[in-house]
Amino acid sequence: MTALVLPKTDFPPMTDDPKQQTQALIDRLREGGHGEAADRLARHLRGQPVERALLTALRETLETLLTAMEAIDPVTETMFEKLRVDLEARLRPPR
């Protein structure tokens, strides 16, 4: 897994619109050579509100991290499972 490094460029002014902010992040990821990560985030945005999409992306990222941490230290599996359940409950998108 390669580290995510975004290029230092002149960024457009920040906006309060989450969809525009997320699109700017997708563009920066692509410019930085991280097309796969940009595509994954863009897929989350398709067909749903940006807030729901970002929660889904955050849950996916945290799930990946928890799985990696469990692999490093299997003894903590129960602790990570409790954390996973708590994260799932807190990051569930509103209906």
Protein backbone atom coordinates (compact mmCIF):
# COMPACT_ATOMS: atom_id res chain seq x y z
CA MET A 1 0.00 0.00 0.00
CA THR A 2 1.49 3.34 -1.02
CA ALA A 3 1.27 6.48 1.05
CA LEU A 4 -1.20 9.07 -0.13
CA VAL A 5 0.69 12.22 -1.08
CA LEU A 6 -1.22 15.12 -2.56
CA PRO A 7 0.65 17.56 -4.80
CA LYS A 8 1.30 21.07 -3.53
CA THR A 9 -0.57 23.32 -5.93
CA ASP A 10 -2.59 26.49 -5.87
CA PHE A 11 -5.91 25.30 -4.54
CA PRO A 12 -9.20 26.98 -5.35
CA PRO A 13 -10.83 28.83 -2.47
CA MET A 14 -12.62 26.61 0.02
CA THR A 15 -16.37 26.33 -0.19
CA ASP A 16 -18.98 25.39 2.39
CA ASP A 17 -20.64 23.03 -0.10
CA PRO A 18 -19.70 19.44 0.83
CA LYS A 19 -20.27 18.20 -2.72
CA GLN A 20 -17.87 20.79 -4.15
CA GLN A 21 -15.31 20.05 -1.43
CA THR A 22 -15.51 16.34 -2.15
CA GLN A 23 -15.17 16.89 -5.89
CA ALA A 24 -12.10 19.06 -5.24
CA LEU A 25 -10.63 16.20 -3.16
CA ILE A 26 -11.35 13.72 -5.97
CA ASP A 27 -9.61 16.03 -8.44
CA ARG A 28 -6.59 16.42 -6.13
CA LEU A 29 -6.34 12.65 -5.70
CA ARG A 30 -6.29 12.19 -9.48
CA GLU A 31 -3.70 14.94 -9.94
CA GLY A 32 -1.56 13.23 -7.30
CA GLY A 33 -1.61 9.95 -9.19
CA HIS A 34 -4.15 8.24 -6.93
CA GLY A 35 -6.76 7.42 -9.55
CA GLU A 36 -7.99 4.29 -7.80
CA ALA A 37 -8.73 6.18 -4.56
CA ALA A 38 -10.37 8.99 -6.54
CA ASP A 39 -12.54 6.51 -8.44
CA ARG A 40 -13.58 4.78 -5.21
CA LEU A 41 -14.63 8.07 -3.63
CA ALA A 42 -16.44 9.14 -6.81
CA ARG A 43 -18.33 5.82 -6.84
CA HIS A 44 -19.58 6.51 -3.33
CA LEU A 45 -20.96 9.85 -4.49
CA ARG A 46 -23.01 8.46 -7.35
CA GLY A 47 -26.74 8.32 -6.72
CA GLN A 48 -26.78 9.46 -3.10
CA PRO A 49 -26.39 12.66 -1.08
CA VAL A 50 -22.78 13.63 -0.39
CA GLU A 51 -23.20 13.31 3.37
CA ARG A 52 -24.37 9.69 3.05
CA ALA A 53 -21.57 8.96 0.57
CA LEU A 54 -18.90 10.35 2.89
CA LEU A 55 -20.22 8.32 5.82
CA THR A 56 -20.08 5.20 3.66
CA ALA A 57 -16.51 6.00 2.58
CA LEU A 58 -15.47 6.66 6.19
CA ARG A 59 -17.01 3.37 7.37
CA GLU A 60 -15.19 1.49 4.59
CA THR A 61 -11.88 3.12 5.53
CA LEU A 62 -12.29 2.38 9.24
CA GLU A 63 -13.27 -1.23 8.48
CA THR A 64 -10.05 -1.63 6.48
CA LEU A 65 -7.99 -0.16 9.34
CA LEU A 66 -9.63 -2.37 11.96
CA THR A 67 -9.06 -5.47 9.84
CA ALA A 68 -5.38 -4.57 9.43
CA MET A 69 -5.00 -3.96 13.17
CA GLU A 70 -6.64 -7.31 13.96
CA ALA A 71 -4.20 -9.04 11.62
CA ILE A 72 -1.28 -7.47 13.46
CA ASP A 73 -2.54 -8.40 16.93
CA PRO A 74 -5.17 -11.20 16.86
CA VAL A 75 -5.38 -11.20 20.68
CA THR A 76 -7.28 -7.91 20.49
CA GLU A 77 -9.97 -9.32 18.19
CA THR A 78 -12.77 -8.99 20.77
CA MET A 79 -11.85 -5.38 21.51
CA PHE A 80 -11.83 -4.53 17.80
CA GLU A 81 -15.15 -6.28 17.26
CA LYS A 82 -16.75 -4.11 19.97
CA LEU A 83 -15.22 -1.03 18.34
CA ARG A 84 -16.48 -2.15 14.94
CA VAL A 85 -20.06 -2.50 16.27
CA ASP A 86 -19.86 0.93 17.92
CA LEU A 87 -18.53 2.56 14.74
CA GLU A 88 -21.22 0.92 12.66
CA ALA A 89 -23.91 2.28 14.97
CA ARG A 90 -22.47 5.80 15.05
CA LEU A 91 -21.65 6.06 11.34
CA ARG A 92 -24.90 4.66 9.98
CA PRO A 93 -26.29 7.14 7.47
CA PRO A 94 -29.63 8.74 8.35
CA ARG A 95 -32.63 7.27 6.59
